[in-house]
PDB file of N, CA and C in Angstrom:
ATOM      1  N   MET A   1      -4.846  10.523 -36.873  1.00  0.00           N
ATOM      2  CA  MET A   1      -5.020  10.680 -35.449  1.00  0.00           C
ATOM      3  C   MET A   1      -5.925   9.563 -34.938  1.00  0.00           C
ATOM      4  N   ASN A   2      -5.494   8.925 -33.865  1.00  0.00           N
ATOM      5  CA  ASN A   2      -6.255   7.823 -33.292  1.00  0.00           C
ATOM      6  C   ASN A   2      -7.207   8.346 -32.223  1.00  0.00           C
ATOM      7  N   ASN A   3      -8.444   7.923 -32.292  1.00  0.00           N
ATOM      8  CA  ASN A   3      -9.423   8.245 -31.257  1.00  0.00           C
ATOM      9  C   ASN A   3      -9.631   7.010 -30.399  1.00  0.00           C
ATOM     10  N   PHE A   4      -9.391   7.164 -29.127  1.00  0.00           N
ATOM     11  CA  PHE A   4      -9.579   6.066 -28.201  1.00  0.00           C
ATOM     12  C   PHE A   4     -10.859   6.281 -27.408  1.00  0.00           C
ATOM     13  N   LEU A   5     -11.457   5.198 -26.994  1.00  0.00           N
ATOM     14  CA  LEU A   5     -12.696   5.278 -26.238  1.00  0.00           C
ATOM     15  C   LEU A   5     -12.486   6.002 -24.909  1.00  0.00           C
ATOM     16  N   ALA A   6     -11.314   5.863 -24.329  1.00  0.00           N
ATOM     17  CA  ALA A   6     -11.025   6.520 -23.058  1.00  0.00           C
ATOM     18  C   ALA A   6     -10.932   8.033 -23.197  1.00  0.00           C
ATOM     19  N   ASP A   7     -10.721   8.530 -24.409  1.00  0.00           N
ATOM     20  CA  ASP A   7     -10.623   9.971 -24.629  1.00  0.00           C
ATOM     21  C   ASP A   7     -11.980  10.657 -24.733  1.00  0.00           C
ATOM     22  N   ILE A   8     -13.040   9.884 -24.889  1.00  0.00           N
ATOM     23  CA  ILE A   8     -14.371  10.464 -25.047  1.00  0.00           C
ATOM     24  C   ILE A   8     -14.935  10.790 -23.668  1.00  0.00           C
ATOM     25  N   SER A   9     -15.376  12.011 -23.494  1.00  0.00           N
ATOM     26  CA  SER A   9     -15.949  12.426 -22.218  1.00  0.00           C
ATOM     27  C   SER A   9     -17.423  12.048 -22.180  1.00  0.00           C
ATOM     28  N   ILE A  10     -17.799  11.237 -21.205  1.00  0.00           N
ATOM     29  CA  ILE A  10     -19.201  10.848 -21.068  1.00  0.00           C
ATOM     30  C   ILE A  10     -19.868  11.560 -19.897  1.00  0.00           C
ATOM     31  N   ALA A  11     -19.107  12.323 -19.148  1.00  0.00           N
ATOM     32  CA  ALA A  11     -19.658  13.050 -18.002  1.00  0.00           C
ATOM     33  C   ALA A  11     -20.317  14.339 -18.483  1.00  0.00           C
ATOM     34  N   PRO A  12     -21.408  14.731 -17.858  1.00  0.00           N
ATOM     35  CA  PRO A  12     -22.042  15.999 -18.239  1.00  0.00           C
ATOM     36  C   PRO A  12     -21.199  17.188 -17.787  1.00  0.00           C
ATOM     37  N   GLU A  13     -21.480  18.358 -18.369  1.00  0.00           N
ATOM     38  CA  GLU A  13     -20.772  19.579 -17.962  1.00  0.00           C
ATOM     39  C   GLU A  13     -20.992  19.817 -16.473  1.00  0.00           C
ATOM     40  N   GLY A  14     -19.961  20.074 -15.738  1.00  0.00           N
ATOM     41  CA  GLY A  14     -20.068  20.323 -14.306  1.00  0.00           C
ATOM     42  C   GLY A  14     -20.045  19.063 -13.464  1.00  0.00           C
ATOM     43  N   GLY A  15     -19.957  17.901 -14.079  1.00  0.00           N
ATOM     44  CA  GLY A  15     -19.887  16.654 -13.339  1.00  0.00           C
ATOM     45  C   GLY A  15     -21.259  16.102 -12.996  1.00  0.00           C
ATOM     46  N   PHE A  16     -21.262  14.971 -12.315  1.00  0.00           N
ATOM     47  CA  PHE A  16     -22.504  14.316 -11.925  1.00  0.00           C
ATOM     48  C   PHE A  16     -23.034  14.942 -10.642  1.00  0.00           C
ATOM     49  N   LYS A  17     -24.337  15.072 -10.560  1.00  0.00           N
ATOM     50  CA  LYS A  17     -24.976  15.615  -9.363  1.00  0.00           C
ATOM     51  C   LYS A  17     -26.156  14.734  -9.017  1.00  0.00           C
ATOM     52  N   GLY A  18     -26.542  14.777  -7.760  1.00  0.00           N
ATOM     53  CA  GLY A  18     -27.689  14.006  -7.300  1.00  0.00           C
ATOM     54  C   GLY A  18     -29.001  14.598  -7.788  1.00  0.00           C
ATOM     55  N   LEU A  19     -30.084  13.891  -7.527  1.00  0.00           N
ATOM     56  CA  LEU A  19     -31.387  14.323  -7.993  1.00  0.00           C
ATOM     57  C   LEU A  19     -32.047  15.339  -7.070  1.00  0.00           C
ATOM     58  N   GLY A  20     -31.627  15.427  -5.833  1.00  0.00           N
ATOM     59  CA  GLY A  20     -32.264  16.346  -4.898  1.00  0.00           C
ATOM     60  C   GLY A  20     -31.233  17.079  -4.080  1.00  0.00           C
ATOM     61  N   ASP A  21     -31.735  17.753  -3.052  1.00  0.00           N
ATOM     62  CA  ASP A  21     -30.835  18.482  -2.170  1.00  0.00           C
ATOM     63  C   ASP A  21     -29.985  17.532  -1.341  1.00  0.00           C
ATOM     64  N   GLY A  22     -30.545  16.396  -0.973  1.00  0.00           N
ATOM     65  CA  GLY A  22     -29.804  15.423  -0.197  1.00  0.00           C
ATOM     66  C   GLY A  22     -29.778  15.767   1.276  1.00  0.00           C
ATOM     67  N   ILE A  23     -29.180  14.891   2.045  1.00  0.00           N
ATOM     68  CA  ILE A  23     -29.156  15.073   3.489  1.00  0.00           C
ATOM     69  C   ILE A  23     -28.121  16.091   3.931  1.00  0.00           C
ATOM     70  N   LEU A  24     -27.170  16.382   3.099  1.00  0.00           N
ATOM     71  CA  LEU A  24     -26.100  17.294   3.474  1.00  0.00           C
ATOM     72  C   LEU A  24     -26.176  18.598   2.691  1.00  0.00           C
ATOM     73  N   SER A  25     -27.385  19.013   2.307  1.00  0.00           N
ATOM     74  CA  SER A  25     -27.523  20.190   1.452  1.00  0.00           C
ATOM     75  C   SER A  25     -27.192  21.487   2.172  1.00  0.00           C
ATOM     76  N   ASP A  26     -27.370  21.529   3.491  1.00  0.00           N
ATOM     77  CA  ASP A  26     -27.117  22.770   4.217  1.00  0.00           C
ATOM     78  C   ASP A  26     -25.772  22.758   4.938  1.00  0.00           C
ATOM     79  N   VAL A  27     -24.826  21.993   4.432  1.00  0.00           N
ATOM     80  CA  VAL A  27     -23.506  21.902   5.048  1.00  0.00           C
ATOM     81  C   VAL A  27     -22.772  23.221   4.843  1.00  0.00           C
ATOM     82  N   SER A  28     -22.188  23.704   5.918  1.00  0.00           N
ATOM     83  CA  SER A  28     -21.516  24.998   5.854  1.00  0.00           C
ATOM     84  C   SER A  28     -20.135  24.911   5.217  1.00  0.00           C
ATOM     85  N   GLY A  29     -19.691  23.753   4.855  1.00  0.00           N
ATOM     86  CA  GLY A  29     -18.395  23.610   4.216  1.00  0.00           C
ATOM     87  C   GLY A  29     -17.342  23.041   5.144  1.00  0.00           C
ATOM     88  N   SER A  30     -17.640  22.947   6.418  1.00  0.00           N
ATOM     89  CA  SER A  30     -16.688  22.414   7.378  1.00  0.00           C
ATOM     90  C   SER A  30     -16.697  20.892   7.313  1.00  0.00           C
ATOM     91  N   GLY A  31     -15.524  20.307   7.274  1.00  0.00           N
ATOM     92  CA  GLY A  31     -15.428  18.857   7.268  1.00  0.00           C
ATOM     93  C   GLY A  31     -15.938  18.251   8.556  1.00  0.00           C
ATOM     94  N   VAL A  32     -15.720  18.947   9.673  1.00  0.00           N
ATOM     95  CA  VAL A  32     -16.203  18.475  10.965  1.00  0.00           C
ATOM     96  C   VAL A  32     -17.724  18.488  10.977  1.00  0.00           C
ATOM     97  N   SER A  33     -18.325  19.526  10.418  1.00  0.00           N
ATOM     98  CA  SER A  33     -19.780  19.622  10.371  1.00  0.00           C
ATOM     99  C   SER A  33     -20.373  18.491   9.541  1.00  0.00           C
ATOM    100  N   THR A  34     -19.778  18.214   8.410  1.00  0.00           N
ATOM    101  CA  THR A  34     -20.259  17.128   7.556  1.00  0.00           C
ATOM    102  C   THR A  34     -20.112  15.791   8.258  1.00  0.00           C
ATOM    103  N   PHE A  35     -18.964  15.557   8.869  1.00  0.00           N
ATOM    104  CA  PHE A  35     -18.718  14.303   9.576  1.00  0.00           C
ATOM    105  C   PHE A  35     -19.680  14.139  10.739  1.00  0.00           C
ATOM    106  N   SER A  36     -19.930  15.218  11.478  1.00  0.00           N
ATOM    107  CA  SER A  36     -20.822  15.120  12.631  1.00  0.00           C
ATOM    108  C   SER A  36     -22.252  14.829  12.195  1.00  0.00           C
ATOM    109  N   LYS A  37     -22.678  15.386  11.073  1.00  0.00           N
ATOM    110  CA  LYS A  37     -24.023  15.081  10.577  1.00  0.00           C
ATOM    111  C   LYS A  37     -24.131  13.619  10.164  1.00  0.00           C
ATOM    112  N   ILE A  38     -23.093  13.111   9.533  1.00  0.00           N
ATOM    113  CA  ILE A  38     -23.112  11.711   9.108  1.00  0.00           C
ATOM    114  C   ILE A  38     -23.137  10.791  10.322  1.00  0.00           C
ATOM    115  N   ILE A  39     -22.321  11.071  11.332  1.00  0.00           N
ATOM    116  CA  ILE A  39     -22.287  10.243  12.536  1.00  0.00           C
ATOM    117  C   ILE A  39     -23.614  10.316  13.281  1.00  0.00           C
ATOM    118  N   SER A  40     -24.173  11.516  13.426  1.00  0.00           N
ATOM    119  CA  SER A  40     -25.453  11.661  14.120  1.00  0.00           C
ATOM    120  C   SER A  40     -26.548  10.893  13.394  1.00  0.00           C
ATOM    121  N   MET A  41     -26.549  10.970  12.074  1.00  0.00           N
ATOM    122  CA  MET A  41     -27.546  10.248  11.305  1.00  0.00           C
ATOM    123  C   MET A  41     -27.331   8.737  11.442  1.00  0.00           C
ATOM    124  N   ALA A  42     -26.085   8.304  11.460  1.00  0.00           N
ATOM    125  CA  ALA A  42     -25.797   6.874  11.597  1.00  0.00           C
ATOM    126  C   ALA A  42     -26.264   6.353  12.950  1.00  0.00           C
ATOM    127  N   ILE A  43     -26.062   7.136  14.014  1.00  0.00           N
ATOM    128  CA  ILE A  43     -26.523   6.727  15.341  1.00  0.00           C
ATOM    129  C   ILE A  43     -28.042   6.608  15.349  1.00  0.00           C
ATOM    130  N   GLY A  44     -28.717   7.576  14.743  1.00  0.00           N
ATOM    131  CA  GLY A  44     -30.173   7.520  14.667  1.00  0.00           C
ATOM    132  C   GLY A  44     -30.666   6.323  13.876  1.00  0.00           C
ATOM    133  N   VAL A  45     -30.020   6.054  12.745  1.00  0.00           N
ATOM    134  CA  VAL A  45     -30.419   4.917  11.909  1.00  0.00           C
ATOM    135  C   VAL A  45     -30.179   3.608  12.650  1.00  0.00           C
ATOM    136  N   MET A  46     -29.040   3.490  13.343  1.00  0.00           N
ATOM    137  CA  MET A  46     -28.756   2.260  14.081  1.00  0.00           C
ATOM    138  C   MET A  46     -29.756   2.043  15.208  1.00  0.00           C
ATOM    139  N   THR A  47     -30.198   3.125  15.851  1.00  0.00           N
ATOM    140  CA  THR A  47     -31.194   2.996  16.906  1.00  0.00           C
ATOM    141  C   THR A  47     -32.522   2.514  16.332  1.00  0.00           C
ATOM    142  N   VAL A  48     -32.929   3.084  15.215  1.00  0.00           N
ATOM    143  CA  VAL A  48     -34.180   2.652  14.574  1.00  0.00           C
ATOM    144  C   VAL A  48     -34.076   1.201  14.115  1.00  0.00           C
ATOM    145  N   VAL A  49     -32.935   0.823  13.555  1.00  0.00           N
ATOM    146  CA  VAL A  49     -32.735  -0.564  13.124  1.00  0.00           C
ATOM    147  C   VAL A  49     -32.794  -1.507  14.323  1.00  0.00           C
ATOM    148  N   ALA A  50     -32.230  -1.100  15.465  1.00  0.00           N
ATOM    149  CA  ALA A  50     -32.278  -1.936  16.670  1.00  0.00           C
ATOM    150  C   ALA A  50     -33.718  -2.133  17.138  1.00  0.00           C
ATOM    151  N   ILE A  51     -34.522  -1.083  17.070  1.00  0.00           N
ATOM    152  CA  ILE A  51     -35.921  -1.201  17.491  1.00  0.00           C
ATOM    153  C   ILE A  51     -36.696  -2.098  16.532  1.00  0.00           C
ATOM    154  N   ILE A  52     -36.473  -1.932  15.233  1.00  0.00           N
ATOM    155  CA  ILE A  52     -37.156  -2.785  14.251  1.00  0.00           C
ATOM    156  C   ILE A  52     -36.720  -4.237  14.418  1.00  0.00           C
ATOM    157  N   TRP A  53     -35.432  -4.455  14.673  1.00  0.00           N
ATOM    158  CA  TRP A  53     -34.935  -5.819  14.888  1.00  0.00           C
ATOM    159  C   TRP A  53     -35.567  -6.427  16.133  1.00  0.00           C
ATOM    160  N   PHE A  54     -35.709  -5.635  17.193  1.00  0.00           N
ATOM    161  CA  PHE A  54     -36.362  -6.123  18.408  1.00  0.00           C
ATOM    162  C   PHE A  54     -37.795  -6.552  18.109  1.00  0.00           C
ATOM    163  N   LEU A  55     -38.535  -5.735  17.366  1.00  0.00           N
ATOM    164  CA  LEU A  55     -39.918  -6.089  17.033  1.00  0.00           C
ATOM    165  C   LEU A  55     -39.971  -7.373  16.204  1.00  0.00           C
ATOM    166  N   PHE A  56     -39.025  -7.533  15.276  1.00  0.00           N
ATOM    167  CA  PHE A  56     -38.966  -8.750  14.471  1.00  0.00           C
ATOM    168  C   PHE A  56     -38.687  -9.971  15.347  1.00  0.00           C
ATOM    169  N   VAL A  57     -37.720  -9.854  16.250  1.00  0.00           N
ATOM    170  CA  VAL A  57     -37.377 -10.973  17.134  1.00  0.00           C
ATOM    171  C   VAL A  57     -38.541 -11.278  18.068  1.00  0.00           C
ATOM    172  N   LEU A  58     -39.205 -10.235  18.562  1.00  0.00           N
ATOM    173  CA  LEU A  58     -40.355 -10.434  19.443  1.00  0.00           C
ATOM    174  C   LEU A  58     -41.477 -11.173  18.710  1.00  0.00           C
ATOM    175  N   MET A  59     -41.755 -10.773  17.482  1.00  0.00           N
ATOM    176  CA  MET A  59     -42.827 -11.432  16.717  1.00  0.00           C
ATOM    177  C   MET A  59     -42.477 -12.876  16.374  1.00  0.00           C
ATOM    178  N   THR A  60     -41.230 -13.112  15.967  1.00  0.00           N
ATOM    179  CA  THR A  60     -40.858 -14.491  15.641  1.00  0.00           C
ATOM    180  C   THR A  60     -40.843 -15.363  16.894  1.00  0.00           C
ATOM    181  N   GLY A  61     -40.458 -14.787  18.029  1.00  0.00           N
ATOM    182  CA  GLY A  61     -40.520 -15.536  19.280  1.00  0.00           C
ATOM    183  C   GLY A  61     -41.952 -15.844  19.681  1.00  0.00           C
ATOM    184  N   ALA A  62     -42.840 -14.866  19.498  1.00  0.00           N
ATOM    185  CA  ALA A  62     -44.252 -15.092  19.818  1.00  0.00           C
ATOM    186  C   ALA A  62     -44.850 -16.157  18.901  1.00  0.00           C
ATOM    187  N   LEU A  63     -44.510 -16.100  17.619  1.00  0.00           N
ATOM    188  CA  LEU A  63     -44.987 -17.138  16.701  1.00  0.00           C
ATOM    189  C   LEU A  63     -44.406 -18.502  17.066  1.00  0.00           C
ATOM    190  N   GLY A  64     -43.173 -18.505  17.567  1.00  0.00           N
ATOM    191  CA  GLY A  64     -42.563 -19.755  18.014  1.00  0.00           C
ATOM    192  C   GLY A  64     -43.286 -20.338  19.213  1.00  0.00           C
ATOM    193  N   ILE A  65     -43.726 -19.472  20.127  1.00  0.00           N
ATOM    194  CA  ILE A  65     -44.486 -19.942  21.291  1.00  0.00           C
ATOM    195  C   ILE A  65     -45.838 -20.485  20.843  1.00  0.00           C
ATOM    196  N   ILE A  66     -46.487 -19.748  19.947  1.00  0.00           N
ATOM    197  CA  ILE A  66     -47.793 -20.194  19.460  1.00  0.00           C
ATOM    198  C   ILE A  66     -47.665 -21.516  18.703  1.00  0.00           C
ATOM    199  N   GLY A  67     -46.631 -21.623  17.898  1.00  0.00           N
ATOM    200  CA  GLY A  67     -46.460 -22.819  17.072  1.00  0.00           C
ATOM    201  C   GLY A  67     -45.735 -23.966  17.746  1.00  0.00           C
ATOM    202  N   SER A  68     -45.368 -23.819  19.011  1.00  0.00           N
ATOM    203  CA  SER A  68     -44.618 -24.891  19.672  1.00  0.00           C
ATOM    204  C   SER A  68     -45.475 -26.131  19.873  1.00  0.00           C
ATOM    205  N   GLY A  69     -46.759 -25.958  20.044  1.00  0.00           N
ATOM    206  CA  GLY A  69     -47.665 -27.105  20.153  1.00  0.00           C
ATOM    207  C   GLY A  69     -47.332 -28.037  21.297  1.00  0.00           C
ATOM    208  N   GLY A  70     -46.861 -27.510  22.394  1.00  0.00           N
ATOM    209  CA  GLY A  70     -46.560 -28.335  23.553  1.00  0.00           C
ATOM    210  C   GLY A  70     -45.149 -28.893  23.563  1.00  0.00           C
ATOM    211  N   ASP A  71     -44.373 -28.656  22.526  1.00  0.00           N
ATOM    212  CA  ASP A  71     -42.988 -29.122  22.466  1.00  0.00           C
ATOM    213  C   ASP A  71     -42.142 -28.233  23.371  1.00  0.00           C
ATOM    214  N   LYS A  72     -41.607 -28.830  24.428  1.00  0.00           N
ATOM    215  CA  LYS A  72     -40.874 -28.045  25.427  1.00  0.00           C
ATOM    216  C   LYS A  72     -39.612 -27.406  24.849  1.00  0.00           C
ATOM    217  N   GLN A  73     -38.928 -28.096  23.963  1.00  0.00           N
ATOM    218  CA  GLN A  73     -37.701 -27.553  23.384  1.00  0.00           C
ATOM    219  C   GLN A  73     -38.012 -26.352  22.483  1.00  0.00           C
ATOM    220  N   ALA A  74     -39.075 -26.440  21.689  1.00  0.00           N
ATOM    221  CA  ALA A  74     -39.463 -25.312  20.835  1.00  0.00           C
ATOM    222  C   ALA A  74     -39.928 -24.132  21.680  1.00  0.00           C
ATOM    223  N   LEU A  75     -40.629 -24.415  22.773  1.00  0.00           N
ATOM    224  CA  LEU A  75     -41.092 -23.358  23.670  1.00  0.00           C
ATOM    225  C   LEU A  75     -39.911 -22.651  24.325  1.00  0.00           C
ATOM    226  N   GLU A  76     -38.927 -23.408  24.781  1.00  0.00           N
ATOM    227  CA  GLU A  76     -37.734 -22.808  25.390  1.00  0.00           C
ATOM    228  C   GLU A  76     -36.940 -21.993  24.372  1.00  0.00           C
ATOM    229  N   SER A  77     -36.847 -22.495  23.150  1.00  0.00           N
ATOM    230  CA  SER A  77     -36.139 -21.757  22.101  1.00  0.00           C
ATOM    231  C   SER A  77     -36.828 -20.427  21.811  1.00  0.00           C
ATOM    232  N   ALA A  78     -38.147 -20.429  21.757  1.00  0.00           N
ATOM    233  CA  ALA A  78     -38.893 -19.191  21.508  1.00  0.00           C
ATOM    234  C   ALA A  78     -38.742 -18.218  22.673  1.00  0.00           C
ATOM    235  N   LYS A  79     -38.788 -18.733  23.895  1.00  0.00           N
ATOM    236  CA  LYS A  79     -38.603 -17.864  25.072  1.00  0.00           C
ATOM    237  C   LYS A  79     -37.201 -17.259  25.081  1.00  0.00           C
ATOM    238  N   LYS A  80     -36.212 -18.075  24.713  1.00  0.00           N
ATOM    239  CA  LYS A  80     -34.835 -17.585  24.669  1.00  0.00           C
ATOM    240  C   LYS A  80     -34.681 -16.494  23.610  1.00  0.00           C
ATOM    241  N   LYS A  81     -35.372 -16.653  22.487  1.00  0.00           N
ATOM    242  CA  LYS A  81     -35.319 -15.654  21.417  1.00  0.00           C
ATOM    243  C   LYS A  81     -35.911 -14.330  21.900  1.00  0.00           C
ATOM    244  N   ILE A  82     -37.050 -14.387  22.587  1.00  0.00           N
ATOM    245  CA  ILE A  82     -37.673 -13.164  23.106  1.00  0.00           C
ATOM    246  C   ILE A  82     -36.775 -12.517  24.152  1.00  0.00           C
ATOM    247  N   THR A  83     -36.193 -13.325  25.035  1.00  0.00           N
ATOM    248  CA  THR A  83     -35.294 -12.793  26.058  1.00  0.00           C
ATOM    249  C   THR A  83     -34.081 -12.121  25.428  1.00  0.00           C
ATOM    250  N   THR A  84     -33.523 -12.735  24.405  1.00  0.00           N
ATOM    251  CA  THR A  84     -32.381 -12.145  23.711  1.00  0.00           C
ATOM    252  C   THR A  84     -32.749 -10.809  23.077  1.00  0.00           C
ATOM    253  N   GLY A  85     -33.926 -10.723  22.475  1.00  0.00           N
ATOM    254  CA  GLY A  85     -34.383  -9.469  21.886  1.00  0.00           C
ATOM    255  C   GLY A  85     -34.553  -8.375  22.921  1.00  0.00           C
ATOM    256  N   ILE A  86     -35.143  -8.724  24.062  1.00  0.00           N
ATOM    257  CA  ILE A  86     -35.336  -7.736  25.134  1.00  0.00           C
ATOM    258  C   ILE A  86     -33.995  -7.269  25.675  1.00  0.00           C
ATOM    259  N   VAL A  87     -33.069  -8.203  25.884  1.00  0.00           N
ATOM    260  CA  VAL A  87     -31.740  -7.833  26.385  1.00  0.00           C
ATOM    261  C   VAL A  87     -31.032  -6.910  25.392  1.00  0.00           C
ATOM    262  N   GLY A  88     -31.127  -7.195  24.111  1.00  0.00           N
ATOM    263  CA  GLY A  88     -30.508  -6.336  23.100  1.00  0.00           C
ATOM    264  C   GLY A  88     -31.079  -4.935  23.101  1.00  0.00           C
ATOM    265  N   LEU A  89     -32.403  -4.816  23.197  1.00  0.00           N
ATOM    266  CA  LEU A  89     -33.034  -3.497  23.237  1.00  0.00           C
ATOM    267  C   LEU A  89     -32.634  -2.741  24.496  1.00  0.00           C
ATOM    268  N   VAL A  90     -32.584  -3.438  25.623  1.00  0.00           N
ATOM    269  CA  VAL A  90     -32.172  -2.793  26.876  1.00  0.00           C
ATOM    270  C   VAL A  90     -30.731  -2.311  26.774  1.00  0.00           C
ATOM    271  N   ILE A  91     -29.863  -3.082  26.138  1.00  0.00           N
ATOM    272  CA  ILE A  91     -28.465  -2.669  25.973  1.00  0.00           C
ATOM    273  C   ILE A  91     -28.374  -1.394  25.150  1.00  0.00           C
ATOM    274  N   VAL A  92     -29.156  -1.294  24.074  1.00  0.00           N
ATOM    275  CA  VAL A  92     -29.135  -0.083  23.246  1.00  0.00           C
ATOM    276  C   VAL A  92     -29.610   1.125  24.049  1.00  0.00           C
ATOM    277  N   ILE A  93     -30.696   0.960  24.805  1.00  0.00           N
ATOM    278  CA  ILE A  93     -31.234   2.075  25.595  1.00  0.00           C
ATOM    279  C   ILE A  93     -30.272   2.461  26.710  1.00  0.00           C
ATOM    280  N   VAL A  94     -29.720   1.473  27.408  1.00  0.00           N
ATOM    281  CA  VAL A  94     -28.787   1.758  28.507  1.00  0.00           C
ATOM    282  C   VAL A  94     -27.511   2.408  27.980  1.00  0.00           C
ATOM    283  N   ALA A  95     -27.034   1.988  26.820  1.00  0.00           N
ATOM    284  CA  ALA A  95     -25.832   2.604  26.243  1.00  0.00           C
ATOM    285  C   ALA A  95     -26.068   4.079  25.951  1.00  0.00           C
ATOM    286  N   THR A  96     -27.258   4.411  25.459  1.00  0.00           N
ATOM    287  CA  THR A  96     -27.581   5.814  25.206  1.00  0.00           C
ATOM    288  C   THR A  96     -27.597   6.607  26.507  1.00  0.00           C
ATOM    289  N   PHE A  97     -28.217   6.038  27.541  1.00  0.00           N
ATOM    290  CA  PHE A  97     -28.256   6.737  28.827  1.00  0.00           C
ATOM    291  C   PHE A  97     -26.869   6.855  29.456  1.00  0.00           C
ATOM    292  N   ILE A  98     -26.033   5.828  29.305  1.00  0.00           N
ATOM    293  CA  ILE A  98     -24.673   5.894  29.854  1.00  0.00           C
ATOM    294  C   ILE A  98     -23.868   6.979  29.149  1.00  0.00           C
ATOM    295  N   LEU A  99     -23.997   7.074  27.829  1.00  0.00           N
ATOM    296  CA  LEU A  99     -23.304   8.146  27.107  1.00  0.00           C
ATOM    297  C   LEU A  99     -23.781   9.517  27.570  1.00  0.00           C
ATOM    298  N   ASP A 100     -25.079   9.655  27.776  1.00  0.00           N
ATOM    299  CA  ASP A 100     -25.624  10.929  28.229  1.00  0.00           C
ATOM    300  C   ASP A 100     -25.153  11.246  29.648  1.00  0.00           C
ATOM    301  N   LEU A 101     -25.164  10.252  30.533  1.00  0.00           N
ATOM    302  CA  LEU A 101     -24.712  10.458  31.914  1.00  0.00           C
ATOM    303  C   LEU A 101     -23.225  10.779  31.962  1.00  0.00           C
ATOM    304  N   THR A 102     -22.421  10.048  31.203  1.00  0.00           N
ATOM    305  CA  THR A 102     -20.985  10.308  31.160  1.00  0.00           C
ATOM    306  C   THR A 102     -20.708  11.709  30.632  1.00  0.00           C
ATOM    307  N   GLY A 103     -21.468  12.106  29.622  1.00  0.00           N
ATOM    308  CA  GLY A 103     -21.319  13.457  29.092  1.00  0.00           C
ATOM    309  C   GLY A 103     -21.681  14.514  30.111  1.00  0.00           C
ATOM    310  N   SER A 104     -22.711  14.248  30.915  1.00  0.00           N
ATOM    311  CA  SER A 104     -23.098  15.207  31.956  1.00  0.00           C
ATOM    312  C   SER A 104     -22.033  15.301  33.043  1.00  0.00           C
ATOM    313  N   ILE A 105     -21.450  14.178  33.405  1.00  0.00           N
ATOM    314  CA  ILE A 105     -20.432  14.172  34.465  1.00  0.00           C
ATOM    315  C   ILE A 105     -19.171  14.899  34.013  1.00  0.00           C
ATOM    316  N   PHE A 106     -18.701  14.603  32.805  1.00  0.00           N
ATOM    317  CA  PHE A 106     -17.451  15.183  32.323  1.00  0.00           C
ATOM    318  C   PHE A 106     -17.634  16.477  31.547  1.00  0.00           C
ATOM    319  N   GLY A 107     -18.872  16.873  31.310  1.00  0.00           N
ATOM    320  CA  GLY A 107     -19.126  18.112  30.586  1.00  0.00           C
ATOM    321  C   GLY A 107     -18.901  17.995  29.093  1.00  0.00           C
ATOM    322  N   ILE A 108     -18.958  16.781  28.579  1.00  0.00           N
ATOM    323  CA  ILE A 108     -18.777  16.538  27.146  1.00  0.00           C
ATOM    324  C   ILE A 108     -20.045  15.863  26.640  1.00  0.00           C
ATOM    325  N   ASP A 109     -20.656  16.458  25.638  1.00  0.00           N
ATOM    326  CA  ASP A 109     -21.880  15.887  25.088  1.00  0.00           C
ATOM    327  C   ASP A 109     -21.515  14.906  23.979  1.00  0.00           C
ATOM    328  N   PHE A 110     -21.426  13.625  24.346  1.00  0.00           N
ATOM    329  CA  PHE A 110     -21.034  12.600  23.379  1.00  0.00           C
ATOM    330  C   PHE A 110     -22.084  12.394  22.300  1.00  0.00           C
ATOM    331  N   LEU A 111     -23.346  12.683  22.607  1.00  0.00           N
ATOM    332  CA  LEU A 111     -24.408  12.466  21.635  1.00  0.00           C
ATOM    333  C   LEU A 111     -24.541  13.613  20.645  1.00  0.00           C
ATOM    334  N   ASP A 112     -23.917  14.751  20.927  1.00  0.00           N
ATOM    335  CA  ASP A 112     -23.882  15.862  19.978  1.00  0.00           C
ATOM    336  C   ASP A 112     -22.464  15.927  19.423  1.00  0.00           C
ATOM    337  N   ILE A 113     -22.250  15.234  18.328  1.00  0.00           N
ATOM    338  CA  ILE A 113     -20.909  15.061  17.774  1.00  0.00           C
ATOM    339  C   ILE A 113     -20.291  16.393  17.366  1.00  0.00           C
ATOM    340  N   ASN A 114     -21.102  17.316  16.877  1.00  0.00           N
ATOM    341  CA  ASN A 114     -20.581  18.601  16.420  1.00  0.00           C
ATOM    342  C   ASN A 114     -19.941  19.369  17.574  1.00  0.00           C
ATOM    343  N   SER A 115     -20.618  19.428  18.728  1.00  0.00           N
ATOM    344  CA  SER A 115     -20.026  20.132  19.867  1.00  0.00           C
ATOM    345  C   SER A 115     -18.834  19.357  20.431  1.00  0.00           C
ATOM    346  N   LEU A 116     -18.873  18.026  20.334  1.00  0.00           N
ATOM    347  CA  LEU A 116     -17.746  17.215  20.801  1.00  0.00           C
ATOM    348  C   LEU A 116     -16.488  17.540  20.004  1.00  0.00           C
ATOM    349  N   PHE A 117     -16.596  17.588  18.670  1.00  0.00           N
ATOM    350  CA  PHE A 117     -15.441  17.951  17.856  1.00  0.00           C
ATOM    351  C   PHE A 117     -15.037  19.397  18.085  1.00  0.00           C
ATOM    352  N   GLY A 118     -16.012  20.250  18.348  1.00  0.00           N
ATOM    353  CA  GLY A 118     -15.694  21.647  18.646  1.00  0.00           C
ATOM    354  C   GLY A 118     -14.850  21.761  19.897  1.00  0.00           C
ATOM    355  N   GLN A 119     -15.173  20.953  20.923  1.00  0.00           N
ATOM    356  CA  GLN A 119     -14.386  20.974  22.155  1.00  0.00           C
ATOM    357  C   GLN A 119     -13.004  20.367  21.941  1.00  0.00           C
ATOM    358  N   ILE A 120     -12.937  19.304  21.157  1.00  0.00           N
ATOM    359  CA  ILE A 120     -11.650  18.641  20.934  1.00  0.00           C
ATOM    360  C   ILE A 120     -10.717  19.515  20.097  1.00  0.00           C
ATOM    361  N   LEU A 121     -11.248  20.073  19.009  1.00  0.00           N
ATOM    362  CA  LEU A 121     -10.419  20.838  18.082  1.00  0.00           C
ATOM    363  C   LEU A 121     -10.328  22.313  18.427  1.00  0.00           C
ATOM    364  N   GLY A 122     -11.089  22.755  19.414  1.00  0.00           N
ATOM    365  CA  GLY A 122     -11.063  24.163  19.803  1.00  0.00           C
ATOM    366  C   GLY A 122     -11.720  25.074  18.789  1.00  0.00           C
ATOM    367  N   ILE A 123     -12.727  24.567  18.104  1.00  0.00           N
ATOM    368  CA  ILE A 123     -13.420  25.362  17.078  1.00  0.00           C
ATOM    369  C   ILE A 123     -14.493  26.204  17.735  1.00  0.00           C
TER     370      ILE A 123
END
């Protein structure tokens, strides 16, 4: 009888499991619920990343202004960088408010994905 390496089971009994409860530990089993939690978390993470990116751009722009040493082109480049960062942050904030306002007008809460899918699927 030939024993092949592919025939040897290396997985533990019951399969692989994570080290903790994880972010989806209290999922009720609904696919919509799991998807809505993932989307809500992704929106939150993207918002935090946008704020951190704004702070990074603001600091590098400020360092560019400090380090320009009277060079008009370097000063303009640093000012443009700060302006771009501010515009990006304003776009993120305004997009959130527009989604909230649109949801209020149409009676659909776009920022609460679970209720949005509930309305769409009739759950």
